[in-house]
PDB file of N, CA and C in Angstrom:
ATOM      1  N   MET A   1     -67.638 -40.205-190.305  1.00  0.00           N
ATOM      2  CA  MET A   1     -66.621 -40.492-190.397  1.00  0.00           C
ATOM      3  C   MET A   1     -66.702 -41.371-191.487  1.00  0.00           C
ATOM      4  N   THR A   2     -66.289 -42.207-192.402  1.00  0.00           N
ATOM      5  CA  THR A   2     -66.855 -43.168-193.897  1.00  0.00           C
ATOM      6  C   THR A   2     -65.534 -43.950-193.838  1.00  0.00           C
ATOM      7  N   LYS A   3     -65.829 -45.265-194.538  1.00  0.00           N
ATOM      8  CA  LYS A   3     -64.859 -45.863-194.427  1.00  0.00           C
ATOM      9  C   LYS A   3     -64.303 -46.474-195.379  1.00  0.00           C
ATOM     10  N   ILE A   4     -63.611 -46.649-195.966  1.00  0.00           N
ATOM     11  CA  ILE A   4     -62.991 -46.660-197.830  1.00  0.00           C
ATOM     12  C   ILE A   4     -62.546 -47.961-198.029  1.00  0.00           C
ATOM     13  N   ILE A   5     -62.221 -48.308-199.455  1.00  0.00           N
ATOM     14  CA  ILE A   5     -61.632 -49.186-199.410  1.00  0.00           C
ATOM     15  C   ILE A   5     -60.661 -49.546-199.243  1.00  0.00           C
ATOM     16  N   LYS A   6     -60.302 -51.465-198.935  1.00  0.00           N
ATOM     17  CA  LYS A   6     -58.837 -51.680-198.543  1.00  0.00           C
ATOM     18  C   LYS A   6     -57.712 -51.009-199.513  1.00  0.00           C
ATOM     19  N   ASN A   7     -56.446 -50.604-198.921  1.00  0.00           N
ATOM     20  CA  ASN A   7     -55.290 -50.055-199.443  1.00  0.00           C
ATOM     21  C   ASN A   7     -53.926 -50.725-199.433  1.00  0.00           C
ATOM     22  N   PRO A   8     -53.256 -51.639-200.077  1.00  0.00           N
ATOM     23  CA  PRO A   8     -52.197 -51.937-199.772  1.00  0.00           C
ATOM     24  C   PRO A   8     -50.768 -51.234-198.993  1.00  0.00           C
ATOM     25  N   LEU A   9     -50.960 -50.093-199.130  1.00  0.00           N
ATOM     26  CA  LEU A   9     -50.385 -48.935-198.870  1.00  0.00           C
ATOM     27  C   LEU A   9     -50.260 -48.590-197.009  1.00  0.00           C
ATOM     28  N   TYR A  10     -51.982 -48.776-196.884  1.00  0.00           N
ATOM     29  CA  TYR A  10     -52.175 -48.304-195.362  1.00  0.00           C
ATOM     30  C   TYR A  10     -52.058 -49.427-194.879  1.00  0.00           C
ATOM     31  N   GLU A  11     -52.753 -50.881-195.535  1.00  0.00           N
ATOM     32  CA  GLU A  11     -52.499 -52.303-194.819  1.00  0.00           C
ATOM     33  C   GLU A  11     -51.262 -52.444-193.804  1.00  0.00           C
ATOM     34  N   SER A  12     -50.194 -51.995-195.302  1.00  0.00           N
ATOM     35  CA  SER A  12     -48.789 -52.476-194.784  1.00  0.00           C
ATOM     36  C   SER A  12     -48.262 -51.196-193.194  1.00  0.00           C
ATOM     37  N   LEU A  13     -49.231 -50.418-192.854  1.00  0.00           N
ATOM     38  CA  LEU A  13     -48.806 -49.369-192.073  1.00  0.00           C
ATOM     39  C   LEU A  13     -49.673 -49.807-190.757  1.00  0.00           C
ATOM     40  N   VAL A  14     -50.927 -50.108-190.925  1.00  0.00           N
ATOM     41  CA  VAL A  14     -51.657 -50.621-189.619  1.00  0.00           C
ATOM     42  C   VAL A  14     -51.114 -51.444-189.127  1.00  0.00           C
ATOM     43  N   GLN A  15     -51.539 -51.478-187.672  1.00  0.00           N
ATOM     44  CA  GLN A  15     -51.219 -52.381-186.162  1.00  0.00           C
ATOM     45  C   GLN A  15     -52.119 -52.970-185.901  1.00  0.00           C
ATOM     46  N   ARG A  16     -52.836 -52.619-185.192  1.00  0.00           N
ATOM     47  CA  ARG A  16     -53.745 -52.980-184.504  1.00  0.00           C
ATOM     48  C   ARG A  16     -55.299 -52.052-184.490  1.00  0.00           C
ATOM     49  N   GLU A  17     -56.503 -52.537-183.745  1.00  0.00           N
ATOM     50  CA  GLU A  17     -57.647 -51.932-184.060  1.00  0.00           C
ATOM     51  C   GLU A  17     -57.558 -50.595-182.805  1.00  0.00           C
ATOM     52  N   PHE A  18     -58.370 -49.659-182.957  1.00  0.00           N
ATOM     53  CA  PHE A  18     -58.529 -48.828-181.669  1.00  0.00           C
ATOM     54  C   PHE A  18     -60.083 -47.995-182.151  1.00  0.00           C
ATOM     55  N   ASN A  19     -59.855 -46.682-181.098  1.00  0.00           N
ATOM     56  CA  ASN A  19     -61.132 -46.205-181.627  1.00  0.00           C
ATOM     57  C   ASN A  19     -60.859 -44.962-182.208  1.00  0.00           C
ATOM     58  N   PRO A  20     -60.704 -44.848-183.491  1.00  0.00           N
ATOM     59  CA  PRO A  20     -60.717 -43.412-184.238  1.00  0.00           C
ATOM     60  C   PRO A  20     -61.083 -42.499-183.919  1.00  0.00           C
ATOM     61  N   ALA A  21     -62.680 -42.609-182.777  1.00  0.00           N
ATOM     62  CA  ALA A  21     -63.248 -41.132-182.578  1.00  0.00           C
ATOM     63  C   ALA A  21     -62.718 -40.889-181.657  1.00  0.00           C
ATOM     64  N   GLU A  22     -61.600 -41.587-180.739  1.00  0.00           N
ATOM     65  CA  GLU A  22     -61.203 -41.015-179.718  1.00  0.00           C
ATOM     66  C   GLU A  22     -59.887 -40.533-179.677  1.00  0.00           C
ATOM     67  N   THR A  23     -58.883 -40.900-180.982  1.00  0.00           N
ATOM     68  CA  THR A  23     -57.948 -40.185-181.145  1.00  0.00           C
ATOM     69  C   THR A  23     -58.447 -38.772-181.886  1.00  0.00           C
ATOM     70  N   LEU A  24     -59.558 -38.635-182.769  1.00  0.00           N
ATOM     71  CA  LEU A  24     -59.571 -37.353-183.227  1.00  0.00           C
ATOM     72  C   LEU A  24     -59.887 -36.407-182.132  1.00  0.00           C
ATOM     73  N   GLN A  25     -60.321 -36.623-180.893  1.00  0.00           N
ATOM     74  CA  GLN A  25     -60.859 -35.962-179.642  1.00  0.00           C
ATOM     75  C   GLN A  25     -59.546 -35.528-179.019  1.00  0.00           C
ATOM     76  N   VAL A  26     -58.739 -36.262-179.118  1.00  0.00           N
ATOM     77  CA  VAL A  26     -57.257 -36.122-178.869  1.00  0.00           C
ATOM     78  C   VAL A  26     -56.411 -34.847-179.890  1.00  0.00           C
ATOM     79  N   ILE A  27     -56.617 -35.170-181.451  1.00  0.00           N
ATOM     80  CA  ILE A  27     -55.592 -34.360-182.071  1.00  0.00           C
ATOM     81  C   ILE A  27     -56.630 -33.140-182.436  1.00  0.00           C
ATOM     82  N   GLN A  28     -57.737 -33.007-181.702  1.00  0.00           N
ATOM     83  CA  GLN A  28     -58.658 -31.666-181.781  1.00  0.00           C
ATOM     84  C   GLN A  28     -58.774 -31.206-180.559  1.00  0.00           C
ATOM     85  N   HIS A  29     -58.050 -31.236-179.616  1.00  0.00           N
ATOM     86  CA  HIS A  29     -58.054 -30.575-178.330  1.00  0.00           C
ATOM     87  C   HIS A  29     -57.696 -29.279-178.272  1.00  0.00           C
ATOM     88  N   ASN A  30     -57.000 -28.775-179.440  1.00  0.00           N
ATOM     89  CA  ASN A  30     -56.492 -27.459-179.799  1.00  0.00           C
ATOM     90  C   ASN A  30     -56.887 -26.964-180.938  1.00  0.00           C
ATOM     91  N   LYS A  31     -58.401 -26.857-181.062  1.00  0.00           N
ATOM     92  CA  LYS A  31     -59.003 -26.463-182.482  1.00  0.00           C
ATOM     93  C   LYS A  31     -58.584 -25.331-183.263  1.00  0.00           C
ATOM     94  N   PRO A  32     -57.955 -24.266-183.292  1.00  0.00           N
ATOM     95  CA  PRO A  32     -57.274 -23.789-184.243  1.00  0.00           C
ATOM     96  C   PRO A  32     -56.235 -24.482-184.667  1.00  0.00           C
ATOM     97  N   VAL A  33     -55.267 -24.992-183.742  1.00  0.00           N
ATOM     98  CA  VAL A  33     -53.722 -25.721-184.417  1.00  0.00           C
ATOM     99  C   VAL A  33     -54.586 -27.304-184.953  1.00  0.00           C
ATOM    100  N   TYR A  34     -55.515 -27.684-185.277  1.00  0.00           N
ATOM    101  CA  TYR A  34     -56.374 -28.265-185.976  1.00  0.00           C
ATOM    102  C   TYR A  34     -57.121 -27.969-187.168  1.00  0.00           C
ATOM    103  N   TRP A  35     -57.601 -26.920-187.116  1.00  0.00           N
ATOM    104  CA  TRP A  35     -58.077 -26.613-188.643  1.00  0.00           C
ATOM    105  C   TRP A  35     -57.379 -25.682-189.077  1.00  0.00           C
ATOM    106  N   SER A  36     -55.811 -25.432-188.548  1.00  0.00           N
ATOM    107  CA  SER A  36     -54.794 -24.586-189.550  1.00  0.00           C
ATOM    108  C   SER A  36     -54.361 -25.832-189.996  1.00  0.00           C
ATOM    109  N   TRP A  37     -54.415 -27.150-190.129  1.00  0.00           N
ATOM    110  CA  TRP A  37     -54.139 -28.488-191.097  1.00  0.00           C
ATOM    111  C   TRP A  37     -55.198 -28.754-192.404  1.00  0.00           C
ATOM    112  N   GLY A  38     -55.942 -27.576-192.579  1.00  0.00           N
ATOM    113  CA  GLY A  38     -57.028 -27.647-193.694  1.00  0.00           C
ATOM    114  C   GLY A  38     -57.514 -29.095-193.980  1.00  0.00           C
ATOM    115  N   VAL A  39     -58.200 -29.893-192.902  1.00  0.00           N
ATOM    116  CA  VAL A  39     -58.673 -30.661-192.769  1.00  0.00           C
ATOM    117  C   VAL A  39     -59.651 -31.128-193.438  1.00  0.00           C
ATOM    118  N   GLU A  40     -59.900 -31.305-194.936  1.00  0.00           N
ATOM    119  CA  GLU A  40     -61.416 -31.638-195.432  1.00  0.00           C
ATOM    120  C   GLU A  40     -61.877 -32.922-196.043  1.00  0.00           C
ATOM    121  N   LYS A  41     -60.999 -34.026-195.151  1.00  0.00           N
ATOM    122  CA  LYS A  41     -61.855 -35.198-195.015  1.00  0.00           C
ATOM    123  C   LYS A  41     -61.300 -35.854-194.293  1.00  0.00           C
ATOM    124  N   LEU A  42     -62.381 -36.623-193.021  1.00  0.00           N
ATOM    125  CA  LEU A  42     -61.511 -37.728-192.223  1.00  0.00           C
ATOM    126  C   LEU A  42     -62.444 -38.709-192.633  1.00  0.00           C
ATOM    127  N   VAL A  43     -61.354 -40.246-192.268  1.00  0.00           N
ATOM    128  CA  VAL A  43     -61.777 -41.497-193.023  1.00  0.00           C
ATOM    129  C   VAL A  43     -61.176 -42.856-191.439  1.00  0.00           C
ATOM    130  N   ASN A  44     -62.253 -43.213-191.649  1.00  0.00           N
ATOM    131  CA  ASN A  44     -62.209 -44.128-190.412  1.00  0.00           C
ATOM    132  C   ASN A  44     -61.752 -45.507-191.165  1.00  0.00           C
ATOM    133  N   TYR A  45     -60.568 -45.803-191.276  1.00  0.00           N
ATOM    134  CA  TYR A  45     -59.855 -46.948-192.110  1.00  0.00           C
ATOM    135  C   TYR A  45     -59.993 -48.170-191.106  1.00  0.00           C
ATOM    136  N   TYR A  46     -61.654 -48.898-190.986  1.00  0.00           N
ATOM    137  CA  TYR A  46     -61.107 -50.079-190.512  1.00  0.00           C
ATOM    138  C   TYR A  46     -61.008 -50.455-189.285  1.00  0.00           C
ATOM    139  N   ASP A  47     -61.455 -49.225-188.680  1.00  0.00           N
ATOM    140  CA  ASP A  47     -60.910 -49.281-186.905  1.00  0.00           C
ATOM    141  C   ASP A  47     -59.658 -49.405-186.860  1.00  0.00           C
ATOM    142  N   LYS A  48     -58.402 -49.347-187.930  1.00  0.00           N
ATOM    143  CA  LYS A  48     -57.308 -49.679-187.681  1.00  0.00           C
ATOM    144  C   LYS A  48     -56.473 -48.169-188.296  1.00  0.00           C
ATOM    145  N   GLY A  49     -57.035 -47.294-188.392  1.00  0.00           N
ATOM    146  CA  GLY A  49     -56.178 -46.148-188.643  1.00  0.00           C
ATOM    147  C   GLY A  49     -56.994 -44.616-189.088  1.00  0.00           C
ATOM    148  N   LEU A  50     -56.981 -44.141-188.943  1.00  0.00           N
ATOM    149  CA  LEU A  50     -57.423 -42.627-188.939  1.00  0.00           C
ATOM    150  C   LEU A  50     -56.883 -41.738-189.925  1.00  0.00           C
ATOM    151  N   ILE A  51     -57.322 -41.538-191.309  1.00  0.00           N
ATOM    152  CA  ILE A  51     -57.200 -40.748-192.246  1.00  0.00           C
ATOM    153  C   ILE A  51     -57.715 -39.290-192.248  1.00  0.00           C
ATOM    154  N   LEU A  52     -56.864 -38.592-192.193  1.00  0.00           N
ATOM    155  CA  LEU A  52     -57.247 -36.829-192.537  1.00  0.00           C
ATOM    156  C   LEU A  52     -56.772 -36.490-194.033  1.00  0.00           C
ATOM    157  N   ILE A  53     -57.507 -35.748-194.751  1.00  0.00           N
ATOM    158  CA  ILE A  53     -56.893 -35.282-195.786  1.00  0.00           C
ATOM    159  C   ILE A  53     -56.389 -34.019-195.808  1.00  0.00           C
ATOM    160  N   VAL A  54     -55.332 -33.710-195.721  1.00  0.00           N
ATOM    161  CA  VAL A  54     -54.934 -32.322-194.866  1.00  0.00           C
ATOM    162  C   VAL A  54     -54.536 -31.589-196.504  1.00  0.00           C
ATOM    163  N   ASN A  55     -54.544 -30.089-195.876  1.00  0.00           N
ATOM    164  CA  ASN A  55     -53.951 -28.879-196.815  1.00  0.00           C
ATOM    165  C   ASN A  55     -52.967 -28.183-195.749  1.00  0.00           C
ATOM    166  N   GLY A  56     -52.100 -28.487-195.596  1.00  0.00           N
ATOM    167  CA  GLY A  56     -51.333 -27.998-194.587  1.00  0.00           C
ATOM    168  C   GLY A  56     -50.048 -27.082-195.309  1.00  0.00           C
ATOM    169  N   HIS A  57     -49.514 -26.175-194.600  1.00  0.00           N
ATOM    170  CA  HIS A  57     -48.069 -25.479-194.807  1.00  0.00           C
ATOM    171  C   HIS A  57     -47.102 -26.593-195.454  1.00  0.00           C
ATOM    172  N   HIS A  58     -46.735 -27.322-194.975  1.00  0.00           N
ATOM    173  CA  HIS A  58     -45.605 -28.386-195.073  1.00  0.00           C
ATOM    174  C   HIS A  58     -46.082 -29.509-195.548  1.00  0.00           C
ATOM    175  N   HIS A  59     -46.994 -29.939-195.591  1.00  0.00           N
ATOM    176  CA  HIS A  59     -47.752 -31.242-196.327  1.00  0.00           C
ATOM    177  C   HIS A  59     -49.166 -31.332-196.875  1.00  0.00           C
ATOM    178  N   LYS A  60     -49.230 -31.224-197.991  1.00  0.00           N
ATOM    179  CA  LYS A  60     -50.674 -31.252-198.445  1.00  0.00           C
ATOM    180  C   LYS A  60     -50.693 -32.979-199.154  1.00  0.00           C
ATOM    181  N   GLY A  61     -51.829 -33.678-198.380  1.00  0.00           N
ATOM    182  CA  GLY A  61     -52.551 -35.028-198.762  1.00  0.00           C
ATOM    183  C   GLY A  61     -52.591 -35.834-197.621  1.00  0.00           C
ATOM    184  N   VAL A  62     -52.281 -36.906-197.543  1.00  0.00           N
ATOM    185  CA  VAL A  62     -53.116 -38.306-196.428  1.00  0.00           C
ATOM    186  C   VAL A  62     -52.089 -37.953-195.538  1.00  0.00           C
ATOM    187  N   LEU A  63     -53.032 -38.179-193.902  1.00  0.00           N
ATOM    188  CA  LEU A  63     -52.071 -38.145-192.766  1.00  0.00           C
ATOM    189  C   LEU A  63     -53.080 -39.114-192.342  1.00  0.00           C
ATOM    190  N   LEU A  64     -52.365 -40.633-192.228  1.00  0.00           N
ATOM    191  CA  LEU A  64     -53.066 -41.816-191.521  1.00  0.00           C
ATOM    192  C   LEU A  64     -52.072 -42.109-190.312  1.00  0.00           C
ATOM    193  N   ILE A  65     -53.266 -41.712-189.130  1.00  0.00           N
ATOM    194  CA  ILE A  65     -52.703 -42.271-187.735  1.00  0.00           C
ATOM    195  C   ILE A  65     -52.841 -43.803-187.282  1.00  0.00           C
ATOM    196  N   THR A  66     -52.256 -44.598-187.167  1.00  0.00           N
ATOM    197  CA  THR A  66     -52.087 -45.586-186.342  1.00  0.00           C
ATOM    198  C   THR A  66     -51.921 -45.793-185.253  1.00  0.00           C
ATOM    199  N   LEU A  67     -52.331 -47.076-184.427  1.00  0.00           N
ATOM    200  CA  LEU A  67     -51.791 -47.315-183.098  1.00  0.00           C
ATOM    201  C   LEU A  67     -50.887 -48.694-183.071  1.00  0.00           C
ATOM    202  N   ALA A  68     -49.942 -48.148-182.480  1.00  0.00           N
ATOM    203  CA  ALA A  68     -49.083 -49.581-182.341  1.00  0.00           C
ATOM    204  C   ALA A  68     -49.034 -50.332-181.258  1.00  0.00           C
ATOM    205  N   TRP A  69     -48.542 -51.480-181.454  1.00  0.00           N
ATOM    206  CA  TRP A  69     -48.573 -52.302-180.396  1.00  0.00           C
ATOM    207  C   TRP A  69     -48.126 -52.547-179.225  1.00  0.00           C
ATOM    208  N   ASN A  70     -47.334 -51.011-178.942  1.00  0.00           N
ATOM    209  CA  ASN A  70     -46.960 -50.705-177.672  1.00  0.00           C
ATOM    210  C   ASN A  70     -47.725 -49.667-177.077  1.00  0.00           C
ATOM    211  N   ASP A  71     -48.971 -49.102-177.654  1.00  0.00           N
ATOM    212  CA  ASP A  71     -49.694 -48.468-177.374  1.00  0.00           C
ATOM    213  C   ASP A  71     -49.125 -47.156-177.316  1.00  0.00           C
ATOM    214  N   THR A  72     -48.422 -46.747-178.579  1.00  0.00           N
ATOM    215  CA  THR A  72     -47.930 -45.434-178.622  1.00  0.00           C
ATOM    216  C   THR A  72     -48.722 -45.374-180.068  1.00  0.00           C
ATOM    217  N   TYR A  73     -48.748 -43.954-180.845  1.00  0.00           N
ATOM    218  CA  TYR A  73     -49.376 -43.657-182.270  1.00  0.00           C
ATOM    219  C   TYR A  73     -48.280 -43.824-182.789  1.00  0.00           C
ATOM    220  N   SER A  74     -48.378 -44.036-184.223  1.00  0.00           N
ATOM    221  CA  SER A  74     -47.670 -43.353-185.074  1.00  0.00           C
ATOM    222  C   SER A  74     -48.377 -42.989-186.442  1.00  0.00           C
ATOM    223  N   PHE A  75     -47.908 -41.634-187.447  1.00  0.00           N
ATOM    224  CA  PHE A  75     -48.503 -41.379-188.473  1.00  0.00           C
ATOM    225  C   PHE A  75     -47.656 -40.937-189.678  1.00  0.00           C
ATOM    226  N   HIS A  76     -48.606 -41.108-190.609  1.00  0.00           N
ATOM    227  CA  HIS A  76     -47.422 -41.310-191.528  1.00  0.00           C
ATOM    228  C   HIS A  76     -47.973 -40.281-192.652  1.00  0.00           C
ATOM    229  N   LEU A  77     -47.231 -39.881-193.501  1.00  0.00           N
ATOM    230  CA  LEU A  77     -47.291 -38.714-194.256  1.00  0.00           C
ATOM    231  C   LEU A  77     -47.472 -39.304-195.852  1.00  0.00           C
ATOM    232  N   ILE A  78     -48.428 -39.199-196.213  1.00  0.00           N
ATOM    233  CA  ILE A  78     -48.540 -39.690-197.700  1.00  0.00           C
ATOM    234  C   ILE A  78     -49.090 -38.877-198.993  1.00  0.00           C
ATOM    235  N   LYS A  79     -48.237 -38.382-199.922  1.00  0.00           N
ATOM    236  CA  LYS A  79     -48.472 -37.783-200.805  1.00  0.00           C
ATOM    237  C   LYS A  79     -48.739 -38.612-201.919  1.00  0.00           C
ATOM    238  N   ASP A  80     -49.560 -38.496-203.596  1.00  0.00           N
ATOM    239  CA  ASP A  80     -49.519 -39.097-204.243  1.00  0.00           C
ATOM    240  C   ASP A  80     -49.415 -40.897-204.215  1.00  0.00           C
ATOM    241  N   GLY A  81     -49.919 -41.239-202.960  1.00  0.00           N
ATOM    242  CA  GLY A  81     -49.859 -42.398-203.322  1.00  0.00           C
ATOM    243  C   GLY A  81     -48.468 -43.264-202.957  1.00  0.00           C
ATOM    244  N   LYS A  82     -47.774 -42.310-202.369  1.00  0.00           N
ATOM    245  CA  LYS A  82     -46.689 -42.986-201.907  1.00  0.00           C
ATOM    246  C   LYS A  82     -46.058 -42.517-199.996  1.00  0.00           C
ATOM    247  N   LEU A  83     -45.413 -43.088-199.650  1.00  0.00           N
ATOM    248  CA  LEU A  83     -45.129 -42.832-198.283  1.00  0.00           C
ATOM    249  C   LEU A  83     -43.935 -41.851-198.210  1.00  0.00           C
ATOM    250  N   LYS A  84     -44.456 -40.469-197.218  1.00  0.00           N
ATOM    251  CA  LYS A  84     -43.622 -39.150-197.237  1.00  0.00           C
ATOM    252  C   LYS A  84     -42.665 -39.629-196.327  1.00  0.00           C
ATOM    253  N   GLU A  85     -43.237 -40.025-195.576  1.00  0.00           N
ATOM    254  CA  GLU A  85     -42.689 -39.724-194.193  1.00  0.00           C
ATOM    255  C   GLU A  85     -43.409 -40.799-192.498  1.00  0.00           C
ATOM    256  N   THR A  86     -42.377 -41.219-191.991  1.00  0.00           N
ATOM    257  CA  THR A  86     -43.564 -42.024-190.967  1.00  0.00           C
ATOM    258  C   THR A  86     -42.667 -41.083-189.778  1.00  0.00           C
ATOM    259  N   VAL A  87     -43.373 -41.161-188.962  1.00  0.00           N
ATOM    260  CA  VAL A  87     -43.049 -40.764-187.522  1.00  0.00           C
ATOM    261  C   VAL A  87     -43.582 -41.657-186.421  1.00  0.00           C
ATOM    262  N   THR A  88     -42.826 -42.620-185.326  1.00  0.00           N
ATOM    263  CA  THR A  88     -43.446 -43.887-184.451  1.00  0.00           C
ATOM    264  C   THR A  88     -42.958 -43.096-183.094  1.00  0.00           C
ATOM    265  N   ASP A  89     -43.696 -43.917-182.187  1.00  0.00           N
ATOM    266  CA  ASP A  89     -43.307 -43.609-180.871  1.00  0.00           C
ATOM    267  C   ASP A  89     -44.104 -42.398-179.811  1.00  0.00           C
ATOM    268  N   VAL A  90     -45.109 -41.932-180.574  1.00  0.00           N
ATOM    269  CA  VAL A  90     -45.903 -40.732-180.111  1.00  0.00           C
ATOM    270  C   VAL A  90     -46.956 -41.292-179.076  1.00  0.00           C
ATOM    271  N   TYR A  91     -46.731 -40.796-178.082  1.00  0.00           N
ATOM    272  CA  TYR A  91     -47.567 -40.452-177.039  1.00  0.00           C
ATOM    273  C   TYR A  91     -48.899 -39.758-176.961  1.00  0.00           C
ATOM    274  N   PHE A  92     -49.678 -40.382-176.608  1.00  0.00           N
ATOM    275  CA  PHE A  92     -51.427 -39.530-176.915  1.00  0.00           C
ATOM    276  C   PHE A  92     -51.474 -37.672-176.763  1.00  0.00           C
ATOM    277  N   ASP A  93     -50.152 -37.244-175.538  1.00  0.00           N
ATOM    278  CA  ASP A  93     -50.521 -36.292-175.361  1.00  0.00           C
ATOM    279  C   ASP A  93     -49.472 -35.320-176.415  1.00  0.00           C
ATOM    280  N   GLU A  94     -48.620 -36.060-177.026  1.00  0.00           N
ATOM    281  CA  GLU A  94     -47.878 -34.887-177.608  1.00  0.00           C
ATOM    282  C   GLU A  94     -48.666 -35.346-179.071  1.00  0.00           C
ATOM    283  N   LEU A  95     -49.301 -36.089-179.496  1.00  0.00           N
ATOM    284  CA  LEU A  95     -49.685 -36.569-181.139  1.00  0.00           C
ATOM    285  C   LEU A  95     -50.187 -35.053-181.411  1.00  0.00           C
ATOM    286  N   GLN A  96     -51.035 -34.136-181.063  1.00  0.00           N
ATOM    287  CA  GLN A  96     -51.633 -33.124-181.797  1.00  0.00           C
ATOM    288  C   GLN A  96     -50.170 -32.308-182.384  1.00  0.00           C
ATOM    289  N   GLU A  97     -49.619 -32.167-181.381  1.00  0.00           N
ATOM    290  CA  GLU A  97     -47.918 -30.988-181.451  1.00  0.00           C
ATOM    291  C   GLU A  97     -47.054 -31.821-182.267  1.00  0.00           C
ATOM    292  N   ARG A  98     -46.822 -33.245-182.354  1.00  0.00           N
ATOM    293  CA  ARG A  98     -45.894 -33.668-183.494  1.00  0.00           C
ATOM    294  C   ARG A  98     -46.604 -33.870-184.822  1.00  0.00           C
ATOM    295  N   ILE A  99     -47.582 -33.567-185.003  1.00  0.00           N
ATOM    296  CA  ILE A  99     -48.330 -33.712-186.286  1.00  0.00           C
ATOM    297  C   ILE A  99     -48.303 -32.287-186.878  1.00  0.00           C
ATOM    298  N   ASP A 100     -48.524 -31.289-185.868  1.00  0.00           N
ATOM    299  CA  ASP A 100     -48.378 -30.098-186.312  1.00  0.00           C
ATOM    300  C   ASP A 100     -47.404 -29.633-187.038  1.00  0.00           C
ATOM    301  N   LYS A 101     -46.549 -30.111-186.318  1.00  0.00           N
ATOM    302  CA  LYS A 101     -45.151 -29.584-186.383  1.00  0.00           C
ATOM    303  C   LYS A 101     -44.612 -30.436-188.255  1.00  0.00           C
ATOM    304  N   LYS A 102     -45.285 -31.354-188.804  1.00  0.00           N
ATOM    305  CA  LYS A 102     -44.751 -31.863-189.853  1.00  0.00           C
ATOM    306  C   LYS A 102     -45.815 -31.253-190.609  1.00  0.00           C
ATOM    307  N   ILE A 103     -47.025 -30.778-190.853  1.00  0.00           N
ATOM    308  CA  ILE A 103     -48.093 -30.413-190.980  1.00  0.00           C
ATOM    309  C   ILE A 103     -48.352 -28.968-191.666  1.00  0.00           C
ATOM    310  N   GLU A 104     -47.948 -28.145-190.826  1.00  0.00           N
ATOM    311  CA  GLU A 104     -48.372 -26.876-190.557  1.00  0.00           C
ATOM    312  C   GLU A 104     -47.477 -25.743-190.152  1.00  0.00           C
ATOM    313  N   TYR A 105     -46.696 -26.081-188.429  1.00  0.00           N
ATOM    314  CA  TYR A 105     -46.277 -25.157-187.827  1.00  0.00           C
ATOM    315  C   TYR A 105     -45.130 -24.566-188.407  1.00  0.00           C
ATOM    316  N   ILE A 106     -45.253 -23.388-188.378  1.00  0.00           N
ATOM    317  CA  ILE A 106     -44.073 -22.147-188.556  1.00  0.00           C
ATOM    318  C   ILE A 106     -43.924 -21.582-187.605  1.00  0.00           C
ATOM    319  N   GLU A 107     -42.371 -20.748-187.070  1.00  0.00           N
ATOM    320  CA  GLU A 107     -41.855 -20.438-186.273  1.00  0.00           C
ATOM    321  C   GLU A 107     -42.386 -19.134-185.951  1.00  0.00           C
ATOM    322  N   SER A 108     -42.689 -18.385-186.687  1.00  0.00           N
ATOM    323  CA  SER A 108     -43.413 -17.337-186.483  1.00  0.00           C
ATOM    324  C   SER A 108     -44.451 -17.067-186.330  1.00  0.00           C
ATOM    325  N   TYR A 109     -45.011 -18.289-186.159  1.00  0.00           N
ATOM    326  CA  TYR A 109     -46.690 -18.147-185.655  1.00  0.00           C
ATOM    327  C   TYR A 109     -46.663 -17.928-184.646  1.00  0.00           C
ATOM    328  N   LYS A 110     -45.730 -17.714-183.558  1.00  0.00           N
ATOM    329  CA  LYS A 110     -46.363 -17.846-182.400  1.00  0.00           C
ATOM    330  C   LYS A 110     -46.739 -16.572-182.078  1.00  0.00           C
TER     331      LYS A 110
END
């Protein structure tokens, strides 16, 4: 994972520091689901965010995962530098599934 230059949009979305490597393990626990997102790049955003560049069925662009002060995750879908959607109050054990529903999941995949 690499770091990038600070971005005003990302700065407005991050809250507290966390270990992005641990969060990556959580979202990779079911590898086929994770790889279905078409992850092209991973970026550690100053230990306050995990950025994934994704190419999924429902979302193509940036996925920014952050940790809130209440110890729940939030994730933000960003397209062309604009915030498309934010999902808050996500517990670690539901993080991968909730992200998948916004990026790739299709009912007929069952």
